[in-house]
Amino acid sequence: MSFVLDCSVTMAWCFEDERTAATDALLERVIADGAIAPALWPVEVTNVLLSAVKRKHVQADALSAVAQRIAALPIAVDVASADIVWTNTLQVAQRYSLSSCDACYLELAQRKALPLATLDAALRKAASAAGVDLI
């Protein structure tokens, strides 16, 4: 696993209007080296996909194929992150004024000593303040 992946980067791979050269490079890195995400990640990703269908950003009949493409990527889900929400994640959220969801990504990057891939400005700021490398 080469880095911690968040939902915002994952969604950039799903929506053509959000893709950039940088997010495409991250996808190639995931394919080559894998990534890791907190236990929250699949729930957050599927929630955004369902919202995209409601907003007509994704066709409902394409939803399953999009989800399967994401699920097929070599992304490990850190199940331990679910157990430490009550402790470490809560502390990270409080310390850096993050939502619990965003704190899950930062906590995992800290715990695994891995860089974090995110497009979220607040999470990027918190990661920098925490000394976590960003990619």
Protein backbone atom coordinates (compact mmCIF):
# COMPACT_ATOMS: atom_id res chain seq x y z
CA MET A 1 0.00 0.00 0.00
CA SER A 2 1.51 3.25 -1.06
CA PHE A 3 -0.88 5.82 0.43
CA VAL A 4 -4.17 6.47 2.20
CA LEU A 5 -6.96 7.15 -0.28
CA ASP A 6 -9.99 9.29 0.49
CA CYS A 7 -13.41 9.46 -1.10
CA SER A 8 -12.80 12.75 -2.93
CA VAL A 9 -10.00 11.26 -5.02
CA THR A 10 -12.04 8.11 -5.68
CA MET A 11 -14.94 10.20 -6.94
CA ALA A 12 -12.66 12.07 -9.32
CA TRP A 13 -12.07 8.73 -11.05
CA CYS A 14 -15.82 8.21 -11.43
CA PHE A 15 -16.88 11.58 -12.81
CA GLU A 16 -15.29 12.77 -16.03
CA ASP A 17 -15.71 16.44 -15.10
CA GLU A 18 -13.69 15.91 -11.90
CA ARG A 19 -10.78 13.98 -13.42
CA THR A 20 -7.39 15.64 -13.70
CA ALA A 21 -3.92 14.52 -14.70
CA ALA A 22 -3.09 14.34 -10.99
CA THR A 23 -6.06 12.12 -10.11
CA ASP A 24 -5.34 9.90 -13.11
CA ALA A 25 -1.75 9.54 -11.87
CA LEU A 26 -3.08 8.50 -8.46
CA LEU A 27 -5.27 5.88 -10.10
CA GLU A 28 -2.23 4.49 -11.91
CA ARG A 29 -0.37 4.42 -8.60
CA VAL A 30 -3.22 2.50 -6.96
CA ILE A 31 -3.23 -0.01 -9.81
CA ALA A 32 0.54 -0.48 -9.52
CA ASP A 33 1.08 -0.32 -5.75
CA GLY A 34 -2.32 -0.47 -4.05
CA ALA A 35 -3.72 1.89 -1.44
CA ILE A 36 -5.48 1.72 1.90
CA ALA A 37 -8.64 3.40 3.13
CA PRO A 38 -10.50 3.43 6.45
CA ALA A 39 -13.53 1.22 7.07
CA LEU A 40 -15.74 4.22 6.35
CA TRP A 41 -14.50 4.55 2.75
CA PRO A 42 -16.79 2.06 0.94
CA VAL A 43 -19.84 3.48 2.72
CA GLU A 44 -18.85 7.03 1.86
CA VAL A 45 -18.10 6.13 -1.77
CA THR A 46 -21.41 4.34 -2.29
CA ASN A 47 -23.27 7.21 -0.62
CA VAL A 48 -21.73 9.72 -3.02
CA LEU A 49 -22.54 7.46 -5.97
CA LEU A 50 -26.17 7.17 -4.86
CA SER A 51 -26.36 10.95 -4.50
CA ALA A 52 -24.88 11.32 -7.99
CA VAL A 53 -27.69 9.17 -9.39
CA LYS A 54 -30.27 11.39 -7.68
CA ARG A 55 -28.59 14.47 -9.17
CA LYS A 56 -28.51 12.77 -12.59
CA HIS A 57 -24.69 12.92 -12.59
CA VAL A 58 -24.58 9.13 -13.06
CA GLN A 59 -27.11 6.93 -14.82
CA ALA A 60 -28.84 4.58 -12.40
CA ASP A 61 -28.19 1.60 -14.68
CA ALA A 62 -24.44 2.39 -14.66
CA LEU A 63 -24.17 2.53 -10.87
CA SER A 64 -23.39 -1.14 -10.36
CA ALA A 65 -20.65 -1.12 -13.01
CA VAL A 66 -19.03 1.98 -11.48
CA ALA A 67 -19.11 0.43 -8.02
CA GLN A 68 -17.64 -2.83 -9.35
CA ARG A 69 -14.77 -0.98 -11.06
CA ILE A 70 -13.89 0.73 -7.78
CA ALA A 71 -14.24 -2.50 -5.79
CA ALA A 72 -11.89 -4.28 -8.21
CA LEU A 73 -9.03 -1.88 -7.47
CA PRO A 74 -6.32 -3.04 -5.05
CA ILE A 75 -7.53 -0.89 -2.18
CA ALA A 76 -7.29 -2.44 1.27
CA VAL A 77 -9.95 -1.44 3.77
CA ASP A 78 -8.55 -0.99 7.26
CA VAL A 79 -11.11 -2.64 9.50
CA ALA A 80 -9.20 -1.59 12.62
CA SER A 81 -10.20 2.01 11.93
CA ALA A 82 -13.78 1.18 12.92
CA ASP A 83 -12.65 0.11 16.39
CA ILE A 84 -10.66 3.25 17.13
CA VAL A 85 -13.27 5.83 16.17
CA TRP A 86 -14.14 6.18 19.85
CA THR A 87 -10.57 7.09 20.74
CA ASN A 88 -7.95 8.09 18.17
CA THR A 89 -10.33 9.34 15.49
CA LEU A 90 -12.32 11.41 17.95
CA GLN A 91 -9.11 13.02 19.20
CA VAL A 92 -7.93 13.77 15.66
CA ALA A 93 -11.31 15.28 14.78
CA GLN A 94 -11.23 17.53 17.83
CA ARG A 95 -7.60 18.54 17.45
CA TYR A 96 -7.88 19.54 13.79
CA SER A 97 -11.55 20.63 13.68
CA LEU A 98 -12.50 17.90 11.23
CA SER A 99 -15.65 15.89 10.71
CA SER A 100 -15.46 12.34 12.02
CA CYS A 101 -15.37 11.11 8.43
CA ASP A 102 -12.39 13.25 7.46
CA ALA A 103 -10.63 12.42 10.72
CA CYS A 104 -10.78 8.70 9.80
CA TYR A 105 -8.54 9.34 6.80
CA LEU A 106 -6.07 11.49 8.72
CA GLU A 107 -5.91 9.07 11.65
CA LEU A 108 -5.18 6.17 9.30
CA ALA A 109 -2.42 8.11 7.54
CA GLN A 110 -0.86 8.94 10.91
CA ARG A 111 -1.16 5.39 12.25
CA LYS A 112 0.25 3.76 9.12
CA ALA A 113 2.83 6.54 8.49
CA LEU A 114 1.60 6.86 4.90
CA PRO A 115 0.94 9.91 2.74
CA LEU A 116 -2.66 10.98 2.22
CA ALA A 117 -4.37 11.55 -1.14
CA THR A 118 -7.29 13.94 -0.81
CA LEU A 119 -8.84 16.81 -2.74
CA ASP A 120 -10.58 18.15 0.37
CA ALA A 121 -9.08 21.52 1.35
CA ALA A 122 -9.82 21.23 5.08
CA LEU A 123 -8.39 17.73 5.24
CA ARG A 124 -5.28 18.82 3.32
CA LYS A 125 -4.78 21.69 5.77
CA ALA A 126 -5.20 19.38 8.77
CA ALA A 127 -2.81 16.81 7.29
CA SER A 128 -0.18 19.48 6.77
CA ALA A 129 -0.64 20.68 10.35
CA ALA A 130 -0.31 17.08 11.57
CA GLY A 131 2.88 16.51 9.61
CA VAL A 132 1.29 13.99 7.24
CA ASP A 133 2.64 14.05 3.69
CA LEU A 134 0.15 14.81 0.94
CA ILE A 135 0.14 13.44 -2.58
